[in-house]
Amino acid sequence: MLGILIRVLDGEGLETNSGLYGKRGYVGDYLFMLLSASTPIRPRIWKVMGNLGSRLFFINIDGQEKDEKTLANQLINSCRNKELLCREATEEFIKTLWHKYPKGINWNKENDDYQLMEIVARFAKVLAKLRSSINVWEESFGQKKYNHTQPITEMPDRLNQLIYNVMRGHALICGRENIAYEDLKIVSRITLDSAPPNRSKIFKHLIKNDGQLATSEVMNILKCSRPTALKLMEELAILEIVDTDGNMQDETEIYGGRPEQKIILKNNYSWFISEECKELLNYTGRKGLLTESASVINL
């Protein structure tokens, strides 16, 4: 199903062949977009998308815990009525854009800020790495070690164009015909939310903690065991996103009196720990662990 969806999202139609119905489908330019919501995507689906070259972007909808009064007030208006209000508002907004641009828009890319496009390229490169498909497993031959398959990394060219398109779309709904700095906020959020959740969380906390994390911090972030944390840290090292301060050892690293293992963000991703990037992601302020909330995902 994902293979078919990705072919449709390429915008060149879809043809299928079967013994019962023969050849069916459409050939040509068919621009197809999808906007939907889902419960959190399972790891094996992320792996499939990594192998096929994902055309999908995600954004986590952050939800806060509600008190009893808020929940009680929600019962006054039915969910169906609120859904209809949202449908009407969305429809009116889209009609407004169609009325403003009845023949579409010829985007003048030369007027776009080149420095902003460079930042888009940085996000595309790191997302391509974070979404790479790789299998890591533990081997025990006297001492625990990790082995892995060759990473399957999507080239950043398509991601670069798609992220730029998202940025231009955001500019249009804000009433502009050129990208601006404020469009980067949605781009930065979508980029980091479009990677497998565990990798995304670790990368976000690397940004927050000036590019360094220890094993116990990763365990706290993901609420996982030490072997699982070490495995994920090893994944990021294999994908050449981080450096390590030594070989990933077993869970005796603390109890044996040795210091914890650490991962350190590679120098070519140093922009992500700059104040400019932290401001984009609203990570300015004190160091510490970020608060994450798993919730609905938009494609």
C-alpha atoms as a PDB file:
ATOM      1  CA  MET A   1       0.000   0.000   0.000  1.00  0.00           C
ATOM      2  CA  LEU A   2       2.820   2.419   0.810  1.00  0.00           C
ATOM      3  CA  GLY A   3       4.509   1.563  -2.493  1.00  0.00           C
ATOM      4  CA  ILE A   4       1.345   2.495  -4.405  1.00  0.00           C
ATOM      5  CA  LEU A   5       0.868   5.675  -2.360  1.00  0.00           C
ATOM      6  CA  ILE A   6       4.427   6.819  -3.003  1.00  0.00           C
ATOM      7  CA  ARG A   7       4.005   6.272  -6.756  1.00  0.00           C
ATOM      8  CA  VAL A   8       0.821   8.375  -6.696  1.00  0.00           C
ATOM      9  CA  LEU A   9       2.556  11.116  -4.695  1.00  0.00           C
ATOM     10  CA  ASP A  10       5.183  11.358  -7.450  1.00  0.00           C
ATOM     11  CA  GLY A  11       2.494  13.144  -9.483  1.00  0.00           C
ATOM     12  CA  GLU A  12       2.858  11.085 -12.659  1.00  0.00           C
ATOM     13  CA  GLY A  13      -0.352   9.070 -12.428  1.00  0.00           C
ATOM     14  CA  LEU A  14      -0.595   5.356 -11.677  1.00  0.00           C
ATOM     15  CA  GLU A  15      -0.871   2.278 -13.887  1.00  0.00           C
ATOM     16  CA  THR A  16      -1.472  -1.262 -12.630  1.00  0.00           C
ATOM     17  CA  ASN A  17      -1.537  -4.623 -14.391  1.00  0.00           C
ATOM     18  CA  SER A  18      -3.481  -7.706 -13.361  1.00  0.00           C
ATOM     19  CA  GLY A  19      -4.554 -10.960 -14.967  1.00  0.00           C
ATOM     20  CA  LEU A  20      -8.230 -10.242 -14.333  1.00  0.00           C
ATOM     21  CA  TYR A  21      -8.518  -6.571 -15.330  1.00  0.00           C
ATOM     22  CA  GLY A  22      -5.438  -6.056 -17.512  1.00  0.00           C
ATOM     23  CA  LYS A  23      -3.776  -2.640 -17.594  1.00  0.00           C
ATOM     24  CA  ARG A  24      -5.604   0.166 -15.808  1.00  0.00           C
ATOM     25  CA  GLY A  25      -4.690   3.620 -14.661  1.00  0.00           C
ATOM     26  CA  TYR A  26      -3.723   7.138 -15.672  1.00  0.00           C
ATOM     27  CA  VAL A  27      -0.530   8.411 -17.293  1.00  0.00           C
ATOM     28  CA  GLY A  28       0.444  12.069 -17.201  1.00  0.00           C
ATOM     29  CA  ASP A  29       0.808  14.906 -14.721  1.00  0.00           C
ATOM     30  CA  TYR A  30      -1.623  14.403 -11.838  1.00  0.00           C
ATOM     31  CA  LEU A  31      -0.748  16.551  -8.865  1.00  0.00           C
ATOM     32  CA  PHE A  32      -1.861  14.617  -5.793  1.00  0.00           C
ATOM     33  CA  MET A  33      -1.663  15.835  -2.214  1.00  0.00           C
ATOM     34  CA  LEU A  34      -2.693  14.124   0.987  1.00  0.00           C
ATOM     35  CA  LEU A  35      -3.639  15.682   4.314  1.00  0.00           C
ATOM     36  CA  SER A  36      -4.625  13.223   7.015  1.00  0.00           C
ATOM     37  CA  ALA A  37      -4.230  12.291  10.645  1.00  0.00           C
ATOM     38  CA  SER A  38      -3.033   9.088  12.252  1.00  0.00           C
ATOM     39  CA  THR A  39      -2.145   7.514  15.545  1.00  0.00           C
ATOM     40  CA  PRO A  40       1.658   7.257  16.042  1.00  0.00           C
ATOM     41  CA  ILE A  41       3.353   5.389  13.196  1.00  0.00           C
ATOM     42  CA  ARG A  42       4.828   2.009  14.148  1.00  0.00           C
ATOM     43  CA  PRO A  43       8.600   1.440  13.767  1.00  0.00           C
ATOM     44  CA  ARG A  44       8.247  -1.128  10.981  1.00  0.00           C
ATOM     45  CA  ILE A  45       6.290   1.404   8.891  1.00  0.00           C
ATOM     46  CA  TRP A  46       9.081   3.955   9.331  1.00  0.00           C
ATOM     47  CA  LYS A  47      11.506   1.274   8.131  1.00  0.00           C
ATOM     48  CA  VAL A  48       9.405   0.604   5.020  1.00  0.00           C
ATOM     49  CA  MET A  49       9.198   4.317   4.249  1.00  0.00           C
ATOM     50  CA  GLY A  50      12.964   4.621   4.674  1.00  0.00           C
ATOM     51  CA  ASN A  51      13.525   1.890   2.090  1.00  0.00           C
ATOM     52  CA  LEU A  52      11.034   3.307  -0.423  1.00  0.00           C
ATOM     53  CA  GLY A  53      12.024   6.941  -0.119  1.00  0.00           C
ATOM     54  CA  SER A  54       9.275   8.633   1.857  1.00  0.00           C
ATOM     55  CA  ARG A  55       7.260  11.454   0.272  1.00  0.00           C
ATOM     56  CA  LEU A  56       5.412  12.134   3.529  1.00  0.00           C
ATOM     57  CA  PHE A  57       5.963  14.826   6.113  1.00  0.00           C
ATOM     58  CA  PHE A  58       4.656  14.741   9.678  1.00  0.00           C
ATOM     59  CA  ILE A  59       3.910  17.178  12.441  1.00  0.00           C
ATOM     60  CA  ASN A  60       3.141  16.159  16.007  1.00  0.00           C
ATOM     61  CA  ILE A  61       0.135  17.814  17.560  1.00  0.00           C
ATOM     62  CA  ASP A  62       1.233  18.694  21.071  1.00  0.00           C
ATOM     63  CA  GLY A  63      -1.533  18.072  23.585  1.00  0.00           C
ATOM     64  CA  GLN A  64      -1.539  19.207  27.191  1.00  0.00           C
ATOM     65  CA  GLU A  65      -3.210  17.335  30.022  1.00  0.00           C
ATOM     66  CA  LYS A  66      -6.660  18.827  30.749  1.00  0.00           C
ATOM     67  CA  ASP A  67      -8.213  19.356  34.141  1.00  0.00           C
ATOM     68  CA  GLU A  68     -11.717  18.243  35.118  1.00  0.00           C
ATOM     69  CA  LYS A  69     -13.277  21.666  34.468  1.00  0.00           C
ATOM     70  CA  THR A  70     -11.926  21.812  30.904  1.00  0.00           C
ATOM     71  CA  LEU A  71     -13.147  18.288  30.174  1.00  0.00           C
ATOM     72  CA  ALA A  72     -16.582  19.100  31.622  1.00  0.00           C
ATOM     73  CA  ASN A  73     -16.875  22.246  29.467  1.00  0.00           C
ATOM     74  CA  GLN A  74     -16.139  20.177  26.386  1.00  0.00           C
ATOM     75  CA  LEU A  75     -19.352  18.224  26.972  1.00  0.00           C
ATOM     76  CA  ILE A  76     -21.507  21.328  26.391  1.00  0.00           C
ATOM     77  CA  ASN A  77     -20.858  21.325  22.628  1.00  0.00           C
ATOM     78  CA  SER A  78     -20.858  18.020  20.796  1.00  0.00           C
ATOM     79  CA  CYS A  79     -17.748  16.890  18.942  1.00  0.00           C
ATOM     80  CA  ARG A  80     -19.758  16.759  15.704  1.00  0.00           C
ATOM     81  CA  ASN A  81     -20.762  20.432  15.948  1.00  0.00           C
ATOM     82  CA  LYS A  82     -17.161  21.484  16.534  1.00  0.00           C
ATOM     83  CA  GLU A  83     -16.057  19.372  13.557  1.00  0.00           C
ATOM     84  CA  LEU A  84     -18.637  21.088  11.304  1.00  0.00           C
ATOM     85  CA  LEU A  85     -17.422  24.526  12.430  1.00  0.00           C
ATOM     86  CA  CYS A  86     -13.836  23.549  11.564  1.00  0.00           C
ATOM     87  CA  ARG A  87     -14.951  22.241   8.148  1.00  0.00           C
ATOM     88  CA  GLU A  88     -16.759  25.498   7.364  1.00  0.00           C
ATOM     89  CA  ALA A  89     -13.816  27.654   8.452  1.00  0.00           C
ATOM     90  CA  THR A  90     -11.380  25.568   6.397  1.00  0.00           C
ATOM     91  CA  GLU A  91     -13.605  25.666   3.310  1.00  0.00           C
ATOM     92  CA  GLU A  92     -14.036  29.440   3.500  1.00  0.00           C
ATOM     93  CA  PHE A  93     -10.297  29.938   3.928  1.00  0.00           C
ATOM     94  CA  ILE A  94      -9.453  27.797   0.881  1.00  0.00           C
ATOM     95  CA  LYS A  95     -12.106  29.587  -1.216  1.00  0.00           C
ATOM     96  CA  THR A  96     -10.506  32.890  -0.227  1.00  0.00           C
ATOM     97  CA  LEU A  97      -7.140  31.695  -1.588  1.00  0.00           C
ATOM     98  CA  TRP A  98      -8.770  30.440  -4.809  1.00  0.00           C
ATOM     99  CA  HIS A  99     -10.505  33.789  -5.247  1.00  0.00           C
ATOM    100  CA  LYS A 100      -7.240  35.668  -4.707  1.00  0.00           C
ATOM    101  CA  TYR A 101      -5.286  33.456  -7.142  1.00  0.00           C
ATOM    102  CA  PRO A 102      -7.860  32.194  -9.717  1.00  0.00           C
ATOM    103  CA  LYS A 103      -5.120  31.416 -12.241  1.00  0.00           C
ATOM    104  CA  GLY A 104      -2.506  30.264  -9.762  1.00  0.00           C
ATOM    105  CA  ILE A 105       0.690  32.147  -8.999  1.00  0.00           C
ATOM    106  CA  ASN A 106       4.008  32.490 -10.790  1.00  0.00           C
ATOM    107  CA  TRP A 107       6.500  32.371  -7.948  1.00  0.00           C
ATOM    108  CA  ASN A 108       9.533  34.601  -8.417  1.00  0.00           C
ATOM    109  CA  LYS A 109      12.247  32.523  -6.762  1.00  0.00           C
ATOM    110  CA  GLU A 110      14.898  35.152  -7.456  1.00  0.00           C
ATOM    111  CA  ASN A 111      13.241  37.419  -4.892  1.00  0.00           C
ATOM    112  CA  ASP A 112      13.509  34.802  -2.148  1.00  0.00           C
ATOM    113  CA  ASP A 113      16.187  35.278   0.493  1.00  0.00           C
ATOM    114  CA  TYR A 114      19.111  33.010  -0.439  1.00  0.00           C
ATOM    115  CA  GLN A 115      20.189  32.618   3.205  1.00  0.00           C
ATOM    116  CA  LEU A 116      16.754  31.190   4.049  1.00  0.00           C
ATOM    117  CA  MET A 117      17.086  28.679   1.215  1.00  0.00           C
ATOM    118  CA  GLU A 118      20.467  27.636   2.636  1.00  0.00           C
ATOM    119  CA  ILE A 119      18.752  26.893   5.959  1.00  0.00           C
ATOM    120  CA  VAL A 120      16.140  24.841   4.086  1.00  0.00           C
ATOM    121  CA  ALA A 121      19.002  22.840   2.571  1.00  0.00           C
ATOM    122  CA  ARG A 122      20.453  22.180   6.070  1.00  0.00           C
ATOM    123  CA  PHE A 123      17.120  20.808   7.259  1.00  0.00           C
ATOM    124  CA  ALA A 124      16.823  18.635   4.140  1.00  0.00           C
ATOM    125  CA  LYS A 125      20.286  17.140   4.674  1.00  0.00           C
ATOM    126  CA  VAL A 126      19.740  16.281   8.327  1.00  0.00           C
ATOM    127  CA  LEU A 127      16.260  14.843   7.654  1.00  0.00           C
ATOM    128  CA  ALA A 128      17.666  12.583   4.926  1.00  0.00           C
ATOM    129  CA  LYS A 129      20.122  11.194   7.483  1.00  0.00           C
ATOM    130  CA  LEU A 130      17.568  10.847  10.280  1.00  0.00           C
ATOM    131  CA  ARG A 131      15.159   8.933   8.012  1.00  0.00           C
ATOM    132  CA  SER A 132      17.785   6.480   6.756  1.00  0.00           C
ATOM    133  CA  SER A 133      16.855   2.820   7.013  1.00  0.00           C
ATOM    134  CA  ILE A 134      19.310   0.748   9.053  1.00  0.00           C
ATOM    135  CA  ASN A 135      19.208  -2.393  11.160  1.00  0.00           C
ATOM    136  CA  VAL A 136      21.422  -2.585  14.264  1.00  0.00           C
ATOM    137  CA  TRP A 137      21.700  -5.697  16.396  1.00  0.00           C
ATOM    138  CA  GLU A 138      23.713  -6.829  19.397  1.00  0.00           C
ATOM    139  CA  GLU A 139      26.331  -9.561  19.194  1.00  0.00           C
ATOM    140  CA  SER A 140      27.897 -11.203  22.234  1.00  0.00           C
ATOM    141  CA  PHE A 141      31.267 -12.889  21.810  1.00  0.00           C
ATOM    142  CA  GLY A 142      32.832 -12.412  25.220  1.00  0.00           C
ATOM    143  CA  GLN A 143      32.061  -8.683  24.973  1.00  0.00           C
ATOM    144  CA  LYS A 144      28.872  -7.066  23.713  1.00  0.00           C
ATOM    145  CA  LYS A 145      29.226  -5.350  20.360  1.00  0.00           C
ATOM    146  CA  TYR A 146      26.827  -3.948  17.767  1.00  0.00           C
ATOM    147  CA  ASN A 147      26.666  -4.898  14.113  1.00  0.00           C
ATOM    148  CA  HIS A 148      24.575  -3.253  11.426  1.00  0.00           C
ATOM    149  CA  THR A 149      23.434  -3.307   7.827  1.00  0.00           C
ATOM    150  CA  GLN A 150      24.528  -0.706   5.296  1.00  0.00           C
ATOM    151  CA  PRO A 151      22.377   2.428   5.773  1.00  0.00           C
ATOM    152  CA  ILE A 152      19.912   3.231   2.988  1.00  0.00           C
ATOM    153  CA  THR A 153      19.939   7.019   2.848  1.00  0.00           C
ATOM    154  CA  GLU A 154      17.663   9.048   0.602  1.00  0.00           C
ATOM    155  CA  MET A 155      19.451  11.831  -1.267  1.00  0.00           C
ATOM    156  CA  PRO A 156      18.346  15.230   0.082  1.00  0.00           C
ATOM    157  CA  ASP A 157      17.397  16.693  -3.338  1.00  0.00           C
ATOM    158  CA  ARG A 158      13.707  15.765  -3.225  1.00  0.00           C
ATOM    159  CA  LEU A 159      13.401  16.687   0.462  1.00  0.00           C
ATOM    160  CA  ASN A 160      15.054  20.014  -0.278  1.00  0.00           C
ATOM    161  CA  GLN A 161      12.413  20.853  -2.900  1.00  0.00           C
ATOM    162  CA  LEU A 162       9.490  19.591  -0.824  1.00  0.00           C
ATOM    163  CA  ILE A 163      10.521  21.541   2.287  1.00  0.00           C
ATOM    164  CA  TYR A 164      10.900  24.659   0.138  1.00  0.00           C
ATOM    165  CA  ASN A 165       7.387  24.034  -1.251  1.00  0.00           C
ATOM    166  CA  VAL A 166       5.997  23.784   2.293  1.00  0.00           C
ATOM    167  CA  MET A 167       7.703  27.056   3.136  1.00  0.00           C
ATOM    168  CA  ARG A 168       6.191  28.773   0.083  1.00  0.00           C
ATOM    169  CA  GLY A 169       2.749  27.406   0.949  1.00  0.00           C
ATOM    170  CA  HIS A 170       3.034  28.838   4.437  1.00  0.00           C
ATOM    171  CA  ALA A 171       4.020  32.208   2.966  1.00  0.00           C
ATOM    172  CA  LEU A 172       0.932  32.174   0.709  1.00  0.00           C
ATOM    173  CA  ILE A 173      -1.534  31.500   3.517  1.00  0.00           C
ATOM    174  CA  CYS A 174       0.101  34.364   5.437  1.00  0.00           C
ATOM    175  CA  GLY A 175      -0.596  36.702   2.487  1.00  0.00           C
ATOM    176  CA  ARG A 176       2.944  36.845   1.079  1.00  0.00           C
ATOM    177  CA  GLU A 177       4.436  35.844  -2.266  1.00  0.00           C
ATOM    178  CA  ASN A 178       7.987  35.466  -0.979  1.00  0.00           C
ATOM    179  CA  ILE A 179       9.421  33.353   1.811  1.00  0.00           C
ATOM    180  CA  ALA A 180      10.349  35.029   5.087  1.00  0.00           C
ATOM    181  CA  TYR A 181      12.080  34.108   8.330  1.00  0.00           C
ATOM    182  CA  GLU A 182       8.776  33.318  10.082  1.00  0.00           C
ATOM    183  CA  ASP A 183       8.111  30.551   7.531  1.00  0.00           C
ATOM    184  CA  LEU A 184      11.149  28.699   8.880  1.00  0.00           C
ATOM    185  CA  LYS A 185       9.393  27.956  12.165  1.00  0.00           C
ATOM    186  CA  ILE A 186       6.902  25.554  10.589  1.00  0.00           C
ATOM    187  CA  VAL A 187       9.650  24.105   8.357  1.00  0.00           C
ATOM    188  CA  SER A 188      11.913  23.386  11.330  1.00  0.00           C
ATOM    189  CA  ARG A 189       9.093  21.699  13.232  1.00  0.00           C
ATOM    190  CA  ILE A 190       7.980  19.568  10.288  1.00  0.00           C
ATOM    191  CA  THR A 191      11.563  18.523   9.531  1.00  0.00           C
ATOM    192  CA  LEU A 192      12.301  17.193  13.016  1.00  0.00           C
ATOM    193  CA  ASP A 193       8.848  15.587  13.367  1.00  0.00           C
ATOM    194  CA  SER A 194       9.263  13.748  10.045  1.00  0.00           C
ATOM    195  CA  ALA A 195      11.972  11.427  11.351  1.00  0.00           C
ATOM    196  CA  PRO A 196      11.420   8.188  13.328  1.00  0.00           C
ATOM    197  CA  PRO A 197      10.256   9.302  16.794  1.00  0.00           C
ATOM    198  CA  ASN A 198      13.167   7.993  18.872  1.00  0.00           C
ATOM    199  CA  ARG A 199      15.795   9.503  16.584  1.00  0.00           C
ATOM    200  CA  SER A 200      13.833  12.736  16.458  1.00  0.00           C
ATOM    201  CA  LYS A 201      13.657  12.986  20.251  1.00  0.00           C
ATOM    202  CA  ILE A 202      17.377  12.349  20.664  1.00  0.00           C
ATOM    203  CA  PHE A 203      18.256  14.918  17.989  1.00  0.00           C
ATOM    204  CA  LYS A 204      15.992  17.548  19.570  1.00  0.00           C
ATOM    205  CA  HIS A 205      17.649  17.011  22.943  1.00  0.00           C
ATOM    206  CA  LEU A 206      21.093  17.193  21.338  1.00  0.00           C
ATOM    207  CA  ILE A 207      20.118  20.665  20.148  1.00  0.00           C
ATOM    208  CA  LYS A 208      18.842  21.618  23.593  1.00  0.00           C
ATOM    209  CA  ASN A 209      21.951  20.302  25.350  1.00  0.00           C
ATOM    210  CA  ASP A 210      24.517  21.989  23.081  1.00  0.00           C
ATOM    211  CA  GLY A 211      25.240  18.854  21.046  1.00  0.00           C
ATOM    212  CA  GLN A 212      26.053  16.305  23.778  1.00  0.00           C
ATOM    213  CA  LEU A 213      24.081  13.539  25.498  1.00  0.00           C
ATOM    214  CA  ALA A 214      25.115  10.761  27.878  1.00  0.00           C
ATOM    215  CA  THR A 215      23.580   7.297  28.056  1.00  0.00           C
ATOM    216  CA  SER A 216      21.548   8.014  31.193  1.00  0.00           C
ATOM    217  CA  GLU A 217      20.098  11.138  29.551  1.00  0.00           C
ATOM    218  CA  VAL A 218      19.004   9.147  26.494  1.00  0.00           C
ATOM    219  CA  MET A 219      17.417   6.574  28.808  1.00  0.00           C
ATOM    220  CA  ASN A 220      15.519   9.352  30.574  1.00  0.00           C
ATOM    221  CA  ILE A 221      14.395  10.949  27.297  1.00  0.00           C
ATOM    222  CA  LEU A 222      13.073   7.719  25.770  1.00  0.00           C
ATOM    223  CA  LYS A 223      12.094   5.972  29.023  1.00  0.00           C
ATOM    224  CA  CYS A 224      14.027   2.923  27.840  1.00  0.00           C
ATOM    225  CA  SER A 225      16.638   0.446  29.100  1.00  0.00           C
ATOM    226  CA  ARG A 226      20.378   1.009  28.837  1.00  0.00           C
ATOM    227  CA  PRO A 227      20.920  -1.518  25.987  1.00  0.00           C
ATOM    228  CA  THR A 228      18.139   0.144  23.962  1.00  0.00           C
ATOM    229  CA  ALA A 229      19.642   3.594  24.554  1.00  0.00           C
ATOM    230  CA  LEU A 230      23.095   2.373  23.499  1.00  0.00           C
ATOM    231  CA  LYS A 231      21.629   0.795  20.372  1.00  0.00           C
ATOM    232  CA  LEU A 232      19.949   4.054  19.325  1.00  0.00           C
ATOM    233  CA  MET A 233      23.088   6.046  20.081  1.00  0.00           C
ATOM    234  CA  GLU A 234      25.020   3.615  17.897  1.00  0.00           C
ATOM    235  CA  GLU A 235      22.476   4.120  15.087  1.00  0.00           C
ATOM    236  CA  LEU A 236      23.094   7.874  15.063  1.00  0.00           C
ATOM    237  CA  ALA A 237      26.844   7.267  15.048  1.00  0.00           C
ATOM    238  CA  ILE A 238      26.558   4.896  12.060  1.00  0.00           C
ATOM    239  CA  LEU A 239      24.443   7.470  10.226  1.00  0.00           C
ATOM    240  CA  GLU A 240      27.309   9.955  10.808  1.00  0.00           C
ATOM    241  CA  ILE A 241      25.144  12.408  12.710  1.00  0.00           C
ATOM    242  CA  VAL A 242      27.112  12.113  15.945  1.00  0.00           C
ATOM    243  CA  ASP A 243      30.551  11.083  17.169  1.00  0.00           C
ATOM    244  CA  THR A 244      31.050   8.868  20.212  1.00  0.00           C
ATOM    245  CA  ASP A 245      33.688   9.097  22.920  1.00  0.00           C
ATOM    246  CA  GLY A 246      34.493   5.387  22.581  1.00  0.00           C
ATOM    247  CA  ASN A 247      32.945   2.030  21.743  1.00  0.00           C
ATOM    248  CA  MET A 248      29.394   1.476  22.932  1.00  0.00           C
ATOM    249  CA  GLN A 249      29.797  -0.907  25.849  1.00  0.00           C
ATOM    250  CA  ASP A 250      27.294  -2.983  27.787  1.00  0.00           C
ATOM    251  CA  GLU A 251      25.268  -1.875  30.790  1.00  0.00           C
ATOM    252  CA  THR A 252      28.230  -2.397  33.177  1.00  0.00           C
ATOM    253  CA  GLU A 253      29.746   0.915  32.065  1.00  0.00           C
ATOM    254  CA  ILE A 254      28.339   2.714  35.128  1.00  0.00           C
ATOM    255  CA  TYR A 255      28.429  -0.067  37.637  1.00  0.00           C
ATOM    256  CA  GLY A 256      31.992  -1.006  36.720  1.00  0.00           C
ATOM    257  CA  GLY A 257      33.189   2.454  37.676  1.00  0.00           C
ATOM    258  CA  ARG A 258      33.790   3.734  34.139  1.00  0.00           C
ATOM    259  CA  PRO A 259      32.258   6.983  32.867  1.00  0.00           C
ATOM    260  CA  GLU A 260      29.108   6.947  30.758  1.00  0.00           C
ATOM    261  CA  GLN A 261      29.224   6.836  26.991  1.00  0.00           C
ATOM    262  CA  LYS A 262      28.438  10.101  25.226  1.00  0.00           C
ATOM    263  CA  ILE A 263      27.339  11.114  21.765  1.00  0.00           C
ATOM    264  CA  ILE A 264      28.509  14.446  20.354  1.00  0.00           C
ATOM    265  CA  LEU A 265      26.903  16.183  17.373  1.00  0.00           C
ATOM    266  CA  LYS A 266      29.243  16.249  14.375  1.00  0.00           C
ATOM    267  CA  ASN A 267      30.773  19.558  13.376  1.00  0.00           C
ATOM    268  CA  ASN A 268      28.956  19.677  10.031  1.00  0.00           C
ATOM    269  CA  TYR A 269      25.678  19.920  11.989  1.00  0.00           C
ATOM    270  CA  SER A 270      26.956  22.601  14.351  1.00  0.00           C
ATOM    271  CA  TRP A 271      24.388  25.140  13.056  1.00  0.00           C
ATOM    272  CA  PHE A 272      21.661  23.156  14.816  1.00  0.00           C
ATOM    273  CA  ILE A 273      23.101  24.072  18.214  1.00  0.00           C
ATOM    274  CA  SER A 274      23.403  27.744  17.315  1.00  0.00           C
ATOM    275  CA  GLU A 275      21.198  30.357  18.974  1.00  0.00           C
ATOM    276  CA  GLU A 276      19.520  30.992  15.606  1.00  0.00           C
ATOM    277  CA  CYS A 277      18.308  27.392  15.366  1.00  0.00           C
ATOM    278  CA  LYS A 278      17.312  27.240  19.036  1.00  0.00           C
ATOM    279  CA  GLU A 279      15.232  30.372  18.591  1.00  0.00           C
ATOM    280  CA  LEU A 280      13.470  28.805  15.608  1.00  0.00           C
ATOM    281  CA  LEU A 281      12.611  25.752  17.682  1.00  0.00           C
ATOM    282  CA  ASN A 282      11.767  27.761  20.832  1.00  0.00           C
ATOM    283  CA  TYR A 283      14.603  25.996  22.675  1.00  0.00           C
ATOM    284  CA  THR A 284      16.163  29.151  24.084  1.00  0.00           C
ATOM    285  CA  GLY A 285      16.585  29.354  27.828  1.00  0.00           C
ATOM    286  CA  ARG A 286      17.940  26.935  30.389  1.00  0.00           C
ATOM    287  CA  LYS A 287      19.481  23.623  29.493  1.00  0.00           C
ATOM    288  CA  GLY A 288      17.580  20.512  30.332  1.00  0.00           C
ATOM    289  CA  LEU A 289      15.297  17.854  28.987  1.00  0.00           C
ATOM    290  CA  LEU A 290      12.488  18.880  26.681  1.00  0.00           C
ATOM    291  CA  THR A 291       8.915  17.954  27.406  1.00  0.00           C
ATOM    292  CA  GLU A 292       7.503  15.752  24.673  1.00  0.00           C
ATOM    293  CA  SER A 293       3.885  14.790  24.091  1.00  0.00           C
ATOM    294  CA  ALA A 294       3.041  11.934  21.764  1.00  0.00           C
ATOM    295  CA  SER A 295      -0.173  12.582  19.916  1.00  0.00           C
ATOM    296  CA  VAL A 296      -1.846  12.712  16.539  1.00  0.00           C
ATOM    297  CA  ILE A 297       0.346  12.966  13.463  1.00  0.00           C
ATOM    298  CA  ASN A 298      -0.560  14.915  10.311  1.00  0.00           C
ATOM    299  CA  LEU A 299       0.774  13.752   6.986  1.00  0.00           C
END
